[in-house]
C-alpha atoms as a PDB file:
ATOM      1  CA  UNK A   1       1.366 -10.135 -25.144  1.00  0.00           C
ATOM      2  CA  UNK A   2      -0.794  -8.286 -23.090  1.00  0.00           C
ATOM      3  CA  UNK A   3      -0.560  -4.666 -22.657  1.00  0.00           C
ATOM      4  CA  UNK A   4       1.036  -4.108 -18.744  1.00  0.00           C
ATOM      5  CA  UNK A   5      -1.509  -3.284 -16.239  1.00  0.00           C
ATOM      6  CA  UNK A   6      -0.166  -0.473 -13.578  1.00  0.00           C
ATOM      7  CA  UNK A   7      -2.351   0.444 -11.455  1.00  0.00           C
ATOM      8  CA  UNK A   8      -5.700  -0.841 -10.963  1.00  0.00           C
ATOM      9  CA  UNK A   9      -8.219  -3.548 -13.017  1.00  0.00           C
ATOM     10  CA  UNK A  10     -11.565  -4.510 -12.952  1.00  0.00           C
ATOM     11  CA  UNK A  11     -13.093  -7.353 -11.449  1.00  0.00           C
ATOM     12  CA  UNK A  12     -14.710  -8.111 -15.548  1.00  0.00           C
ATOM     13  CA  UNK A  13     -10.225  -7.421 -16.417  1.00  0.00           C
ATOM     14  CA  UNK A  14      -9.685 -10.486 -13.578  1.00  0.00           C
ATOM     15  CA  UNK A  15     -12.574 -12.557 -14.680  1.00  0.00           C
ATOM     16  CA  UNK A  16     -10.884 -12.960 -18.524  1.00  0.00           C
ATOM     17  CA  UNK A  17      -7.171 -13.521 -17.460  1.00  0.00           C
ATOM     18  CA  UNK A  18      -7.779 -16.214 -14.669  1.00  0.00           C
ATOM     19  CA  UNK A  19      -5.347 -19.167 -14.977  1.00  0.00           C
ATOM     20  CA  UNK A  20      -2.777 -16.398 -16.897  1.00  0.00           C
ATOM     21  CA  UNK A  21      -2.384 -13.714 -14.306  1.00  0.00           C
ATOM     22  CA  UNK A  22      -0.850 -14.170 -10.843  1.00  0.00           C
ATOM     23  CA  UNK A  23      -3.325 -13.505  -8.200  1.00  0.00           C
ATOM     24  CA  UNK A  24      -2.777 -12.680  -4.433  1.00  0.00           C
ATOM     25  CA  UNK A  25      -5.358 -12.346  -1.389  1.00  0.00           C
ATOM     26  CA  UNK A  26      -3.900  -9.822   0.673  1.00  0.00           C
ATOM     27  CA  UNK A  27      -6.762  -9.533   3.247  1.00  0.00           C
ATOM     28  CA  UNK A  28      -5.504  -8.684   6.637  1.00  0.00           C
ATOM     29  CA  UNK A  29      -7.099  -8.549  10.470  1.00  0.00           C
ATOM     30  CA  UNK A  30      -5.203  -5.441  12.473  1.00  0.00           C
ATOM     31  CA  UNK A  31      -5.175  -7.162  15.970  1.00  0.00           C
ATOM     32  CA  UNK A  32      -5.681 -10.675  15.007  1.00  0.00           C
ATOM     33  CA  UNK A  33      -3.366 -12.024  12.932  1.00  0.00           C
ATOM     34  CA  UNK A  34      -4.996 -14.950  11.469  1.00  0.00           C
ATOM     35  CA  UNK A  35      -8.202 -13.435  10.124  1.00  0.00           C
ATOM     36  CA  UNK A  36      -6.855 -13.036   7.296  1.00  0.00           C
ATOM     37  CA  UNK A  37      -5.922 -15.946   6.053  1.00  0.00           C
ATOM     38  CA  UNK A  38      -9.018 -17.732   8.100  1.00  0.00           C
ATOM     39  CA  UNK A  39     -10.774 -15.175   5.128  1.00  0.00           C
ATOM     40  CA  UNK A  40      -8.757 -16.908   2.424  1.00  0.00           C
ATOM     41  CA  UNK A  41      -9.112 -20.401   4.142  1.00  0.00           C
ATOM     42  CA  UNK A  42     -13.353 -19.593   3.642  1.00  0.00           C
ATOM     43  CA  UNK A  43     -13.221 -18.614   0.002  1.00  0.00           C
ATOM     44  CA  UNK A  44     -10.603 -16.924  -2.470  1.00  0.00           C
ATOM     45  CA  UNK A  45     -10.855 -15.999  -5.744  1.00  0.00           C
ATOM     46  CA  UNK A  46      -9.291 -19.109  -7.841  1.00  0.00           C
ATOM     47  CA  UNK A  47      -5.565 -19.514  -8.184  1.00  0.00           C
ATOM     48  CA  UNK A  48      -4.892 -17.073  -5.396  1.00  0.00           C
ATOM     49  CA  UNK A  49      -2.065 -17.590  -2.805  1.00  0.00           C
ATOM     50  CA  UNK A  50      -2.024 -15.538   0.306  1.00  0.00           C
ATOM     51  CA  UNK A  51      -0.026 -13.070   1.155  1.00  0.00           C
ATOM     52  CA  UNK A  52      -0.056 -11.831   4.998  1.00  0.00           C
ATOM     53  CA  UNK A  53       0.960  -8.428   6.183  1.00  0.00           C
ATOM     54  CA  UNK A  54       2.406  -9.320   9.232  1.00  0.00           C
ATOM     55  CA  UNK A  55       4.349 -12.400   8.251  1.00  0.00           C
ATOM     56  CA  UNK A  56       5.424 -11.469   3.974  1.00  0.00           C
ATOM     57  CA  UNK A  57       4.507  -7.479   3.083  1.00  0.00           C
ATOM     58  CA  UNK A  58       6.640  -6.146   6.825  1.00  0.00           C
ATOM     59  CA  UNK A  59       8.866  -7.392   9.083  1.00  0.00           C
ATOM     60  CA  UNK A  60       8.458  -7.363  13.132  1.00  0.00           C
ATOM     61  CA  UNK A  61       7.898  -4.463  14.538  1.00  0.00           C
ATOM     62  CA  UNK A  62      10.712  -2.522  16.090  1.00  0.00           C
ATOM     63  CA  UNK A  63      12.079   0.595  16.121  1.00  0.00           C
ATOM     64  CA  UNK A  64      11.167   1.188  12.106  1.00  0.00           C
ATOM     65  CA  UNK A  65       7.112   0.944  13.115  1.00  0.00           C
ATOM     66  CA  UNK A  66       4.034  -0.921  13.500  1.00  0.00           C
ATOM     67  CA  UNK A  67       4.883  -2.010   9.727  1.00  0.00           C
ATOM     68  CA  UNK A  68       9.114  -1.821   9.140  1.00  0.00           C
ATOM     69  CA  UNK A  69       9.580  -2.795   5.443  1.00  0.00           C
ATOM     70  CA  UNK A  70      10.085  -6.314   5.195  1.00  0.00           C
ATOM     71  CA  UNK A  71      14.486  -7.729   4.132  1.00  0.00           C
ATOM     72  CA  UNK A  72      13.695  -7.482   0.542  1.00  0.00           C
ATOM     73  CA  UNK A  73      15.397 -10.917  -0.228  1.00  0.00           C
ATOM     74  CA  UNK A  74      12.834 -12.904   2.130  1.00  0.00           C
ATOM     75  CA  UNK A  75      10.025 -11.175  -0.048  1.00  0.00           C
ATOM     76  CA  UNK A  76      11.216 -12.296  -3.006  1.00  0.00           C
ATOM     77  CA  UNK A  77      11.265 -15.787  -1.885  1.00  0.00           C
ATOM     78  CA  UNK A  78       7.555 -15.216  -1.284  1.00  0.00           C
ATOM     79  CA  UNK A  79       6.993 -13.781  -4.870  1.00  0.00           C
ATOM     80  CA  UNK A  80       8.836 -17.369  -6.107  1.00  0.00           C
ATOM     81  CA  UNK A  81       7.431 -19.351  -3.205  1.00  0.00           C
ATOM     82  CA  UNK A  82       4.132 -17.447  -5.098  1.00  0.00           C
ATOM     83  CA  UNK A  83       4.641 -19.096  -8.380  1.00  0.00           C
ATOM     84  CA  UNK A  84       5.665 -15.989  -9.986  1.00  0.00           C
ATOM     85  CA  UNK A  85       8.253 -15.252 -12.806  1.00  0.00           C
ATOM     86  CA  UNK A  86       9.583 -11.662 -13.944  1.00  0.00           C
ATOM     87  CA  UNK A  87       7.239 -11.065 -17.266  1.00  0.00           C
ATOM     88  CA  UNK A  88       4.004 -12.495 -14.393  1.00  0.00           C
ATOM     89  CA  UNK A  89       1.144  -9.839 -14.547  1.00  0.00           C
ATOM     90  CA  UNK A  90      -0.253  -9.864 -10.653  1.00  0.00           C
ATOM     91  CA  UNK A  91      -2.960  -9.307  -9.518  1.00  0.00           C
ATOM     92  CA  UNK A  92      -3.806  -7.810  -5.627  1.00  0.00           C
ATOM     93  CA  UNK A  93      -6.787  -7.654  -3.889  1.00  0.00           C
ATOM     94  CA  UNK A  94      -8.448  -7.224  -0.323  1.00  0.00           C
ATOM     95  CA  UNK A  95     -11.271  -6.313   1.117  1.00  0.00           C
ATOM     96  CA  UNK A  96     -10.670  -3.035   2.740  1.00  0.00           C
ATOM     97  CA  UNK A  97     -11.292  -0.795  -0.439  1.00  0.00           C
ATOM     98  CA  UNK A  98      -6.933  -1.741  -1.525  1.00  0.00           C
ATOM     99  CA  UNK A  99      -6.268  -0.433   2.154  1.00  0.00           C
ATOM    100  CA  UNK A 100      -4.165  -3.546   2.044  1.00  0.00           C
ATOM    101  CA  UNK A 101      -4.000  -4.055  -1.412  1.00  0.00           C
ATOM    102  CA  UNK A 102      -2.048  -1.169  -2.079  1.00  0.00           C
ATOM    103  CA  UNK A 103       0.684  -2.103   0.221  1.00  0.00           C
ATOM    104  CA  UNK A 104       1.293  -5.151  -1.931  1.00  0.00           C
ATOM    105  CA  UNK A 105       1.142  -3.243  -5.529  1.00  0.00           C
ATOM    106  CA  UNK A 106       3.546  -0.796  -3.728  1.00  0.00           C
ATOM    107  CA  UNK A 107       6.587  -3.584  -2.617  1.00  0.00           C
ATOM    108  CA  UNK A 108       6.313  -5.122  -5.424  1.00  0.00           C
ATOM    109  CA  UNK A 109       7.224  -2.102  -7.939  1.00  0.00           C
ATOM    110  CA  UNK A 110      10.219  -1.490  -4.936  1.00  0.00           C
ATOM    111  CA  UNK A 111      11.739  -4.457  -6.025  1.00  0.00           C
ATOM    112  CA  UNK A 112      10.878  -3.761  -9.801  1.00  0.00           C
ATOM    113  CA  UNK A 113       7.711  -5.202 -10.295  1.00  0.00           C
ATOM    114  CA  UNK A 114       6.119  -3.043 -12.906  1.00  0.00           C
ATOM    115  CA  UNK A 115       3.232  -5.553 -13.719  1.00  0.00           C
ATOM    116  CA  UNK A 116       0.806  -5.185 -11.013  1.00  0.00           C
ATOM    117  CA  UNK A 117      -2.108  -3.963 -10.229  1.00  0.00           C
ATOM    118  CA  UNK A 118      -5.073  -3.468  -7.505  1.00  0.00           C
ATOM    119  CA  UNK A 119      -8.361  -5.013  -8.476  1.00  0.00           C
ATOM    120  CA  UNK A 120     -10.156  -1.840  -7.850  1.00  0.00           C
ATOM    121  CA  UNK A 121     -13.419  -2.802  -5.465  1.00  0.00           C
ATOM    122  CA  UNK A 122     -12.211  -5.957  -3.700  1.00  0.00           C
ATOM    123  CA  UNK A 123     -13.954  -8.997  -3.100  1.00  0.00           C
ATOM    124  CA  UNK A 124     -17.114  -6.920  -3.241  1.00  0.00           C
ATOM    125  CA  UNK A 125     -16.698  -6.174  -7.212  1.00  0.00           C
ATOM    126  CA  UNK A 126     -16.034  -9.728  -7.515  1.00  0.00           C
ATOM    127  CA  UNK A 127     -19.231 -11.915  -8.892  1.00  0.00           C
ATOM    128  CA  UNK A 128     -16.684 -14.940  -9.992  1.00  0.00           C
ATOM    129  CA  UNK A 129     -16.022 -18.554  -8.021  1.00  0.00           C
ATOM    130  CA  UNK A 130     -14.811 -18.843  -5.144  1.00  0.00           C
ATOM    131  CA  UNK A 131     -12.315 -21.486  -4.179  1.00  0.00           C
ATOM    132  CA  UNK A 132     -11.937 -23.190  -0.933  1.00  0.00           C
ATOM    133  CA  UNK A 133      -8.753 -24.864  -1.725  1.00  0.00           C
ATOM    134  CA  UNK A 134      -5.062 -23.654  -2.190  1.00  0.00           C
ATOM    135  CA  UNK A 135      -2.643 -24.825  -5.204  1.00  0.00           C
ATOM    136  CA  UNK A 136       0.162 -25.021  -4.391  1.00  0.00           C
ATOM    137  CA  UNK A 137       2.508 -23.586  -7.684  1.00  0.00           C
ATOM    138  CA  UNK A 138       5.670 -24.519  -9.001  1.00  0.00           C
ATOM    139  CA  UNK A 139       8.221 -22.162  -8.263  1.00  0.00           C
ATOM    140  CA  UNK A 140       8.555 -18.491  -9.343  1.00  0.00           C
ATOM    141  CA  UNK A 141      12.053 -16.866 -10.701  1.00  0.00           C
ATOM    142  CA  UNK A 142      11.146 -13.732  -9.570  1.00  0.00           C
ATOM    143  CA  UNK A 143      13.957 -11.551  -9.331  1.00  0.00           C
ATOM    144  CA  UNK A 144      14.726  -8.363  -7.820  1.00  0.00           C
ATOM    145  CA  UNK A 145      15.347  -5.573 -10.228  1.00  0.00           C
ATOM    146  CA  UNK A 146      15.573  -2.165 -10.054  1.00  0.00           C
ATOM    147  CA  UNK A 147      12.885  -0.225  -7.873  1.00  0.00           C
ATOM    148  CA  UNK A 148       9.753   1.778  -9.420  1.00  0.00           C
ATOM    149  CA  UNK A 149       9.469   3.750  -6.269  1.00  0.00           C
ATOM    150  CA  UNK A 150      10.748   6.524  -4.348  1.00  0.00           C
ATOM    151  CA  UNK A 151      11.505   6.236  -1.316  1.00  0.00           C
ATOM    152  CA  UNK A 152      12.008   8.947   1.921  1.00  0.00           C
ATOM    153  CA  UNK A 153      13.839   8.018   6.070  1.00  0.00           C
ATOM    154  CA  UNK A 154      12.276  10.039   9.276  1.00  0.00           C
ATOM    155  CA  UNK A 155      16.000  11.784   8.455  1.00  0.00           C
ATOM    156  CA  UNK A 156      15.425  13.123   5.723  1.00  0.00           C
ATOM    157  CA  UNK A 157      12.421  14.450   6.255  1.00  0.00           C
ATOM    158  CA  UNK A 158      12.736  16.114   9.441  1.00  0.00           C
ATOM    159  CA  UNK A 159      15.685  18.130   8.111  1.00  0.00           C
ATOM    160  CA  UNK A 160      13.170  19.467   5.163  1.00  0.00           C
ATOM    161  CA  UNK A 161      10.732  20.116   7.795  1.00  0.00           C
ATOM    162  CA  UNK A 162      11.622  24.265   7.316  1.00  0.00           C
ATOM    163  CA  UNK A 163      11.524  26.869  10.422  1.00  0.00           C
ATOM    164  CA  UNK A 164      10.909  30.816  10.627  1.00  0.00           C
ATOM    165  CA  UNK A 165      11.444  31.790   6.750  1.00  0.00           C
ATOM    166  CA  UNK A 166      12.735  29.054   5.510  1.00  0.00           C
ATOM    167  CA  UNK A 167       9.517  26.828   3.455  1.00  0.00           C
ATOM    168  CA  UNK A 168       9.973  23.396   4.124  1.00  0.00           C
ATOM    169  CA  UNK A 169      11.503  21.214   1.536  1.00  0.00           C
ATOM    170  CA  UNK A 170       8.588  18.714   1.380  1.00  0.00           C
ATOM    171  CA  UNK A 171       4.804  18.378   1.022  1.00  0.00           C
ATOM    172  CA  UNK A 172       4.251  15.552   3.458  1.00  0.00           C
ATOM    173  CA  UNK A 173       0.071  13.995   3.071  1.00  0.00           C
ATOM    174  CA  UNK A 174      -0.843  11.765   5.394  1.00  0.00           C
ATOM    175  CA  UNK A 175      -2.736   9.439   4.731  1.00  0.00           C
ATOM    176  CA  UNK A 176      -4.702   8.483   8.551  1.00  0.00           C
ATOM    177  CA  UNK A 177      -8.183   9.674   9.517  1.00  0.00           C
ATOM    178  CA  UNK A 178      -9.288  12.899  10.446  1.00  0.00           C
ATOM    179  CA  UNK A 179      -9.548  12.281  13.521  1.00  0.00           C
ATOM    180  CA  UNK A 180      -6.579  10.437  14.256  1.00  0.00           C
ATOM    181  CA  UNK A 181      -4.432  13.046  12.530  1.00  0.00           C
ATOM    182  CA  UNK A 182      -6.342  15.875  14.527  1.00  0.00           C
ATOM    183  CA  UNK A 183      -5.459  13.676  17.902  1.00  0.00           C
ATOM    184  CA  UNK A 184      -8.811  13.546  18.673  1.00  0.00           C
ATOM    185  CA  UNK A 185      -7.761   9.321  18.512  1.00  0.00           C
ATOM    186  CA  UNK A 186      -6.099   6.446  17.576  1.00  0.00           C
ATOM    187  CA  UNK A 187      -6.369   3.241  17.909  1.00  0.00           C
ATOM    188  CA  UNK A 188      -2.918   1.968  16.897  1.00  0.00           C
ATOM    189  CA  UNK A 189      -0.442   4.539  18.587  1.00  0.00           C
ATOM    190  CA  UNK A 190       0.139   5.452  22.167  1.00  0.00           C
ATOM    191  CA  UNK A 191       1.119   9.061  20.653  1.00  0.00           C
ATOM    192  CA  UNK A 192      -0.715  11.566  19.484  1.00  0.00           C
ATOM    193  CA  UNK A 193      -0.916  13.845  16.587  1.00  0.00           C
ATOM    194  CA  UNK A 194       0.664  14.313  13.133  1.00  0.00           C
ATOM    195  CA  UNK A 195       4.528  14.920  11.764  1.00  0.00           C
ATOM    196  CA  UNK A 196       4.022  19.393  11.367  1.00  0.00           C
ATOM    197  CA  UNK A 197       2.988  20.929   8.408  1.00  0.00           C
ATOM    198  CA  UNK A 198       2.114  17.710   7.159  1.00  0.00           C
ATOM    199  CA  UNK A 199      -2.248  17.961   5.193  1.00  0.00           C
ATOM    200  CA  UNK A 200      -4.630  15.580   6.139  1.00  0.00           C
ATOM    201  CA  UNK A 201      -6.189  13.339   3.071  1.00  0.00           C
ATOM    202  CA  UNK A 202      -7.705  10.079   4.409  1.00  0.00           C
ATOM    203  CA  UNK A 203      -6.912   7.502   2.164  1.00  0.00           C
ATOM    204  CA  UNK A 204     -10.399   6.367   2.328  1.00  0.00           C
ATOM    205  CA  UNK A 205     -11.211   9.581  -0.024  1.00  0.00           C
ATOM    206  CA  UNK A 206      -9.707   7.949  -2.758  1.00  0.00           C
ATOM    207  CA  UNK A 207     -13.147   6.109  -3.623  1.00  0.00           C
ATOM    208  CA  UNK A 208     -16.707   6.545  -4.481  1.00  0.00           C
ATOM    209  CA  UNK A 209     -19.339   5.497  -2.588  1.00  0.00           C
ATOM    210  CA  UNK A 210     -19.345   2.253  -5.283  1.00  0.00           C
ATOM    211  CA  UNK A 211     -16.179   1.252  -3.423  1.00  0.00           C
ATOM    212  CA  UNK A 212     -14.654   1.667  -6.149  1.00  0.00           C
ATOM    213  CA  UNK A 213     -11.323   4.019  -7.237  1.00  0.00           C
ATOM    214  CA  UNK A 214     -12.847   8.204  -8.250  1.00  0.00           C
ATOM    215  CA  UNK A 215     -11.795   8.489 -11.794  1.00  0.00           C
ATOM    216  CA  UNK A 216      -8.351  10.433 -12.869  1.00  0.00           C
ATOM    217  CA  UNK A 217      -9.881  13.116 -13.184  1.00  0.00           C
ATOM    218  CA  UNK A 218     -11.644  12.999  -9.240  1.00  0.00           C
ATOM    219  CA  UNK A 219      -8.166  11.796  -8.198  1.00  0.00           C
ATOM    220  CA  UNK A 220      -5.863  15.026  -9.968  1.00  0.00           C
ATOM    221  CA  UNK A 221      -8.052  17.407  -7.871  1.00  0.00           C
ATOM    222  CA  UNK A 222      -7.661  15.471  -5.089  1.00  0.00           C
ATOM    223  CA  UNK A 223      -3.934  15.849  -4.993  1.00  0.00           C
ATOM    224  CA  UNK A 224      -2.408  18.609  -7.875  1.00  0.00           C
ATOM    225  CA  UNK A 225      -1.992  20.322  -5.178  1.00  0.00           C
ATOM    226  CA  UNK A 226       1.017  18.844  -3.684  1.00  0.00           C
ATOM    227  CA  UNK A 227       3.529  19.747  -6.003  1.00  0.00           C
ATOM    228  CA  UNK A 228       6.408  20.826  -3.758  1.00  0.00           C
ATOM    229  CA  UNK A 229       7.811  16.881  -3.790  1.00  0.00           C
ATOM    230  CA  UNK A 230       5.017  15.179  -2.636  1.00  0.00           C
ATOM    231  CA  UNK A 231       5.583  12.353   0.613  1.00  0.00           C
ATOM    232  CA  UNK A 232       2.800  10.023   1.687  1.00  0.00           C
ATOM    233  CA  UNK A 233       2.811   8.695   4.897  1.00  0.00           C
ATOM    234  CA  UNK A 234       0.151   7.088   7.266  1.00  0.00           C
ATOM    235  CA  UNK A 235       0.290   5.067  10.835  1.00  0.00           C
ATOM    236  CA  UNK A 236       3.055   2.461   9.829  1.00  0.00           C
ATOM    237  CA  UNK A 237       3.680   2.511   6.082  1.00  0.00           C
ATOM    238  CA  UNK A 238       0.846   0.475   5.226  1.00  0.00           C
ATOM    239  CA  UNK A 239      -2.566   3.269   3.806  1.00  0.00           C
ATOM    240  CA  UNK A 240       0.314   5.559   2.875  1.00  0.00           C
ATOM    241  CA  UNK A 241       0.526   2.961  -0.637  1.00  0.00           C
ATOM    242  CA  UNK A 242      -2.903   3.822  -1.394  1.00  0.00           C
ATOM    243  CA  UNK A 243      -2.917   7.136  -1.917  1.00  0.00           C
ATOM    244  CA  UNK A 244       0.762   6.674  -3.760  1.00  0.00           C
ATOM    245  CA  UNK A 245      -1.571   4.737  -6.095  1.00  0.00           C
ATOM    246  CA  UNK A 246      -4.187   7.588  -6.514  1.00  0.00           C
ATOM    247  CA  UNK A 247      -1.871   9.672  -7.249  1.00  0.00           C
ATOM    248  CA  UNK A 248      -0.298   7.588 -10.443  1.00  0.00           C
ATOM    249  CA  UNK A 249      -3.852   7.131 -11.271  1.00  0.00           C
ATOM    250  CA  UNK A 250      -4.472  11.083 -11.465  1.00  0.00           C
ATOM    251  CA  UNK A 251      -1.627  11.055 -13.669  1.00  0.00           C
ATOM    252  CA  UNK A 252       0.473  12.858 -11.338  1.00  0.00           C
ATOM    253  CA  UNK A 253       4.414  12.939 -10.328  1.00  0.00           C
ATOM    254  CA  UNK A 254       5.168   9.595  -7.626  1.00  0.00           C
ATOM    255  CA  UNK A 255       5.307  10.436  -4.824  1.00  0.00           C
ATOM    256  CA  UNK A 256       7.911   9.097  -2.358  1.00  0.00           C
ATOM    257  CA  UNK A 257       6.778   7.050   0.593  1.00  0.00           C
ATOM    258  CA  UNK A 258       7.983   7.563   4.400  1.00  0.00           C
ATOM    259  CA  UNK A 259       7.719   3.642   5.114  1.00  0.00           C
ATOM    260  CA  UNK A 260       8.351   4.415   9.109  1.00  0.00           C
ATOM    261  CA  UNK A 261       5.226   6.773   9.277  1.00  0.00           C
ATOM    262  CA  UNK A 262       3.912   7.935  12.086  1.00  0.00           C
ATOM    263  CA  UNK A 263       5.132   4.887  14.807  1.00  0.00           C
ATOM    264  CA  UNK A 264       8.270   5.157  13.621  1.00  0.00           C
ATOM    265  CA  UNK A 265       8.566   8.408  13.570  1.00  0.00           C
ATOM    266  CA  UNK A 266       7.160   9.065  17.392  1.00  0.00           C
ATOM    267  CA  UNK A 267      10.140   6.329  18.393  1.00  0.00           C
ATOM    268  CA  UNK A 268      11.650   9.384  18.971  1.00  0.00           C
ATOM    269  CA  UNK A 269      10.907  11.550  21.475  1.00  0.00           C
ATOM    270  CA  UNK A 270      12.789  14.696  20.046  1.00  0.00           C
ATOM    271  CA  UNK A 271      11.163  14.548  16.783  1.00  0.00           C
ATOM    272  CA  UNK A 272       8.494  17.219  16.630  1.00  0.00           C
ATOM    273  CA  UNK A 273       5.276  16.786  16.009  1.00  0.00           C
ATOM    274  CA  UNK A 274       1.319  18.308  16.505  1.00  0.00           C
ATOM    275  CA  UNK A 275      -0.091  18.772  18.644  1.00  0.00           C
END
C-alpha cells in the first residue's frame, strides 16, 4: 500500500497514479455559478469528477455567511457519487493556487478522510493529457468518520477576544488581502474591516513566484509566531483552509477554522469589528 498523501502532491506524482487515485476538479468562478463547470467541460485531468463550490462544497448563503459548511450527509453522498471509497487517495485541484481545492481538502478531512491532497500548482503544473468527457463512476462507499479538523464558531471567538488586561484566547489569522483587511476595499461583503486582534496573512503568500507552495521552512517562518490557539478565517471560510493547509505543510499544529468567517461575523451588528 502506498503512503498516504495528506497535504500536497506534485503533478508528476499524480500522473503516475492516474486511474488509481480519485481526482476532483474544484475550479470556480466567483460571480458566475456555471463558470467552473464550463472550464471542466472544456478540459480536465483524466478521470476527474467536478466538485462545485456552491452546490457541493457549501450550503446556501444565509445566516452562516456566503459559503456555510454543507450538510455532512449531503457531502458524503457527493463523495459517493464521485465514486470515492474510504480507502481511496483523493487529489483535488483548481486553477487558483489552491484557493478552492483547499476547501475540498479541508471538507474531506472534516468528514474524517485522511488520504486527501491538493495538486501543487494546480492546472498550470499539469503537463499530462486532458479530457473533455466525464465518466460516470460506480457509486463509492465513502463514509463519515471521526473528524480530523478543528472548528470554532463566532460565539467562541467573540467570548475569547479579550479586553482591557485580559489577553485574547485565540490568535486570529485572516487569509484575505491586506486591502480587505484594512477596509480599503471589499468586492464581496458590504461591511468592511476585520475581527479585532486579527493578523492579516493573505493566503496567496503561501505560494512562491512559480505558483507552487513555498517550502515547509518558509511556511513555518510565516506562521510560527501564531502559537496561541490559532484560528484561521477569511471572507467566507474558503481560502482560510489554504492557511490551514500551509501550516500543516510547515509541520505546525493544526489551527481551528472559523467556517462562517467575516461574512457571518458581520451578520450580527453587535459583534465588534475594526474599524
